[in-house]
Protein backbone atom coordinates (compact mmCIF):
# COMPACT_ATOMS: atom_id res chain seq x y z
CA MET A 1 -27.21 42.88 33.39
CA THR A 2 -24.93 41.93 30.60
CA VAL A 3 -25.35 38.79 28.83
CA ASN A 4 -22.34 37.49 27.32
CA PRO A 5 -22.82 35.71 23.91
CA PRO A 6 -22.29 31.95 23.75
CA PRO A 7 -18.82 30.88 22.62
CA PRO A 8 -18.44 30.03 19.08
CA PRO A 9 -18.70 26.06 18.37
CA PRO A 10 -15.33 24.52 18.01
CA LYS A 11 -13.81 24.15 14.57
CA GLN A 12 -14.42 20.82 13.08
CA PRO A 13 -11.11 19.20 11.77
CA ARG A 14 -11.06 19.58 7.95
CA ILE A 15 -11.58 16.11 6.29
CA ARG A 16 -9.54 15.60 3.26
CA PRO A 17 -10.64 13.32 0.45
CA GLU A 18 -8.56 10.11 0.37
CA ARG A 19 -6.56 8.85 -2.53
CA LEU A 20 -5.45 5.30 -2.46
CA ILE A 21 -1.97 4.07 -3.36
CA SER A 22 -1.19 0.63 -3.87
CA VAL A 23 2.21 -0.25 -2.62
CA ASP A 24 4.69 -3.31 -3.05
CA VAL A 25 8.09 -4.18 -1.62
CA GLU A 26 10.67 -6.69 -2.39
CA THR A 27 13.24 -7.58 0.44
CA ALA A 28 16.08 -9.72 1.12
CA GLY A 29 14.44 -11.31 4.33
CA PRO A 30 11.49 -11.10 6.43
CA THR A 31 12.21 -8.23 8.85
CA PRO A 32 13.31 -4.77 8.26
CA GLY A 33 15.63 -4.48 11.21
CA ASP A 34 17.80 -7.22 9.92
CA TYR A 35 17.33 -7.51 6.03
CA ALA A 36 17.32 -4.86 3.33
CA MET A 37 14.41 -3.50 1.29
CA ILE A 38 15.58 -3.76 -2.38
CA SER A 39 12.71 -2.35 -4.38
CA ILE A 40 9.64 -0.30 -3.95
CA GLY A 41 6.76 -0.15 -6.47
CA ALA A 42 3.59 1.91 -6.28
CA CYS A 43 0.72 3.44 -8.10
CA LEU A 44 -2.55 5.10 -7.61
CA VAL A 45 -5.29 2.56 -7.26
CA ASP A 46 -7.82 4.56 -9.49
CA ASP A 47 -4.89 5.53 -12.06
CA PRO A 48 -2.38 2.83 -12.07
CA GLN A 49 -0.35 4.15 -14.97
CA ARG A 50 0.69 6.92 -12.50
CA GLY A 51 3.39 4.62 -10.88
CA PHE A 52 6.69 4.83 -8.98
CA TYR A 53 9.49 2.21 -9.13
CA ILE A 54 12.87 2.19 -7.46
CA GLU A 55 15.92 -0.29 -6.66
CA LEU A 56 17.73 0.40 -3.54
CA LYS A 57 21.27 -0.27 -2.67
CA PRO A 58 21.38 -2.86 0.26
CA ASP A 59 22.07 -1.17 3.61
CA ARG A 60 22.71 -4.35 5.39
CA PRO A 61 24.37 -7.59 4.28
CA ALA A 62 22.04 -10.31 5.56
CA VAL A 63 20.07 -12.48 3.10
CA VAL A 64 17.43 -15.17 3.04
CA GLU A 65 18.38 -16.65 -0.45
CA SER A 66 14.72 -17.79 -0.96
CA ALA A 67 13.38 -14.38 -0.24
CA LEU A 68 15.84 -12.66 -2.53
CA ALA A 69 15.19 -15.24 -5.36
CA ILE A 70 11.61 -14.13 -5.50
CA SER A 71 12.44 -10.78 -6.88
CA GLY A 72 15.09 -11.94 -9.51
CA LEU A 73 17.40 -9.21 -8.06
CA THR A 74 20.86 -9.76 -6.83
CA PHE A 75 23.12 -7.70 -4.40
CA ALA A 76 25.64 -7.43 -7.20
CA HIS A 77 22.90 -5.53 -9.52
CA LEU A 78 21.65 -3.54 -6.67
CA GLU A 79 25.13 -2.45 -5.56
CA GLU A 80 25.95 -1.04 -9.27
CA HIS A 81 22.41 0.03 -10.20
CA GLY A 82 20.53 0.69 -7.03
CA THR A 83 19.75 4.14 -5.34
CA GLU A 84 21.17 4.84 -1.99
CA ALA A 85 18.35 3.84 0.48
CA GLY A 86 17.98 7.56 1.98
CA ARG A 87 17.63 8.90 -1.34
CA ALA A 88 15.43 6.26 -2.42
CA MET A 89 12.92 7.25 0.51
CA ARG A 90 13.05 10.96 -0.10
CA GLU A 91 12.38 10.15 -3.86
CA PHE A 92 9.46 7.91 -2.87
CA ALA A 93 8.09 10.49 -0.28
CA GLN A 94 8.26 13.40 -3.07
CA TRP A 95 6.38 11.09 -5.76
CA ILE A 96 3.58 10.38 -3.10
CA ARG A 97 3.33 14.29 -2.55
CA ASP A 98 3.33 14.96 -6.03
CA VAL A 99 0.28 12.48 -6.89
CA VAL A 100 -1.49 13.21 -3.67
CA PRO A 101 -0.75 16.72 -2.57
CA PRO A 102 -1.12 16.70 1.22
CA GLN A 103 -2.80 20.12 1.28
CA THR A 104 -5.88 18.86 -0.39
CA HIS A 105 -5.84 15.01 0.04
CA ARG A 106 -4.79 12.16 2.20
CA ALA A 107 -2.66 9.48 0.75
CA VAL A 108 -3.90 5.93 2.06
CA PHE A 109 -1.40 3.04 1.88
CA VAL A 110 -2.93 -0.19 0.25
CA ALA A 111 -1.15 -3.48 0.06
CA PHE A 112 -1.99 -7.15 -0.19
CA ASN A 113 -0.79 -8.25 3.25
CA ALA A 114 -0.19 -4.62 4.22
CA VAL A 115 1.46 -5.49 7.53
CA PHE A 116 4.65 -6.78 5.75
CA ASP A 117 4.96 -4.10 3.28
CA TRP A 118 4.12 -1.12 5.68
CA MET A 119 6.44 -2.29 8.25
CA PHE A 120 9.44 -2.05 5.75
CA VAL A 121 8.35 1.22 4.24
CA ASN A 122 7.68 2.82 7.70
CA GLU A 123 10.91 1.47 9.13
CA TYR A 124 12.94 3.09 6.10
CA PHE A 125 11.19 6.38 6.32
CA VAL A 126 12.11 6.47 10.19
CA ARG A 127 15.61 5.17 9.69
CA TYR A 128 16.48 7.69 7.02
CA ASP A 129 14.44 10.62 8.88
CA VAL A 130 11.92 11.16 6.17
CA GLU A 131 8.48 11.86 7.20
CA ASN A 132 6.08 8.95 6.14
CA PRO A 133 3.28 10.57 3.99
CA PHE A 134 0.94 7.71 4.82
CA GLY A 135 1.18 8.10 8.69
CA HIS A 136 0.73 5.08 10.93
CA GLY A 137 -1.70 2.62 9.14
CA GLY A 138 -2.78 1.19 5.97
CA LEU A 139 -5.38 -0.57 4.28
CA ASP A 140 -4.89 -4.42 3.83
CA ILE A 141 -6.73 -5.98 0.78
CA LYS A 142 -6.77 -9.37 2.50
CA SER A 143 -8.53 -8.10 5.52
CA TYR A 144 -10.95 -5.94 3.40
CA TYR A 145 -12.04 -9.30 1.75
CA VAL A 146 -12.43 -11.16 4.94
CA GLY A 147 -14.80 -8.30 6.01
CA MET A 148 -16.56 -8.09 2.80
CA MET A 149 -17.13 -11.78 2.11
CA GLY A 150 -17.11 -13.28 5.73
CA SER A 151 -14.23 -15.55 4.30
CA THR A 152 -11.43 -17.43 6.33
CA TRP A 153 -8.01 -15.98 6.07
CA GLU A 154 -7.05 -19.08 4.06
CA GLN A 155 -9.34 -17.90 1.60
CA THR A 156 -7.60 -14.66 0.88
CA SER A 157 -4.58 -16.34 -0.45
CA MET A 158 -3.86 -15.28 -4.02
CA ARG A 159 -4.52 -18.83 -5.38
CA HIS A 160 -8.01 -18.26 -4.45
CA LEU A 161 -8.31 -14.54 -5.33
CA SER A 162 -6.37 -14.49 -8.57
CA PRO A 163 -8.91 -16.82 -10.57
CA LYS A 164 -11.79 -14.59 -9.27
CA TYR A 165 -10.18 -11.24 -9.78
CA LEU A 166 -7.03 -11.33 -11.90
CA THR A 167 -7.83 -13.97 -14.52
CA GLY A 168 -5.76 -16.45 -12.53
CA ARG A 169 -2.43 -14.78 -13.31
CA PRO A 170 0.39 -14.99 -10.63
CA LEU A 171 2.06 -12.03 -9.21
CA SER A 172 5.21 -11.16 -11.12
CA HIS A 173 7.15 -10.15 -8.00
CA ASN A 174 8.37 -6.96 -9.90
CA ALA A 175 7.42 -4.30 -7.22
CA LEU A 176 5.59 -2.16 -9.63
CA GLY A 177 3.92 -4.95 -11.55
CA ASP A 178 2.66 -6.19 -8.26
CA ALA A 179 1.37 -2.83 -7.17
CA ARG A 180 -0.59 -2.57 -10.38
CA ASP A 181 -2.12 -6.11 -9.82
CA GLN A 182 -3.02 -5.29 -6.34
CA ALA A 183 -4.64 -2.11 -7.45
CA GLU A 184 -6.74 -3.92 -9.95
CA LEU A 185 -7.54 -6.59 -7.38
CA PHE A 186 -8.77 -4.03 -5.04
CA ARG A 187 -10.89 -2.02 -7.38
CA ARG A 188 -12.67 -5.13 -8.47
CA MET A 189 -13.20 -6.06 -4.76
CA ALA A 190 -14.43 -2.63 -4.11
CA GLU A 191 -16.92 -3.14 -7.10
CA ASP A 192 -18.26 -6.43 -5.53
CA ALA A 193 -18.54 -4.70 -2.19
CA ALA A 194 -20.79 -2.14 -3.72
CA ALA A 195 -22.91 -4.51 -5.28
CA LEU A 196 -23.41 -6.48 -2.02
CA ARG A 197 -24.28 -3.29 -0.40
CA ALA A 198 -26.86 -2.42 -3.17
CA ALA A 199 -28.36 -5.86 -3.00
CA SER A 200 -28.73 -5.61 0.88
CA ALA A 201 -30.43 -2.26 0.60
CA ARG A 202 -32.85 -3.60 -1.80
CA ALA A 203 -33.68 -6.54 0.35
CA GLU A 204 -34.31 -4.05 3.25
CA GLU A 205 -36.64 -2.08 1.13
CA ALA A 206 -38.52 -5.10 0.10
CA SER A 207 -38.96 -6.54 3.39
């Protein structure tokens, strides 16, 4: 009787190491379907000097003046100096691939209230037919803090977190400056999380 050898085990998917990219955007209003994204800033969380910044020509006219005022940018400035939105998204995608080669690593989107920044970035990648190097998701710094500390959502506001992690300084609302501040915020939170895990492990060993 012929005995067939067992089939080979299924190949396990290759797990790529992750590299975190802090991203911040400034916009002319609260929703990407109605209002323009006007600037993007990004940096590697573990190497914030490797950064990206671009200002976009507005691709729709609606404005919430209070939202636009936060960035200090004007539509007149952006029309003259901004980059066409589709080209801006292609340049952003290329920068992400340059600093996090997709063949070897996975780029992870990180932001402070990531649901806001990610929805604009993803909408613009889709609108201008550019593959989103981050995929469909991101790491939210505020949610990370809630999980780490068991805090309330109110306690994740910058007025609570900046004194603890950023020596009390406010965000500048320059997209690259804010991305770098977010990177520092997350690095210091991650250090606290590691210290909490180590303390918990020591307590378990002692019990």
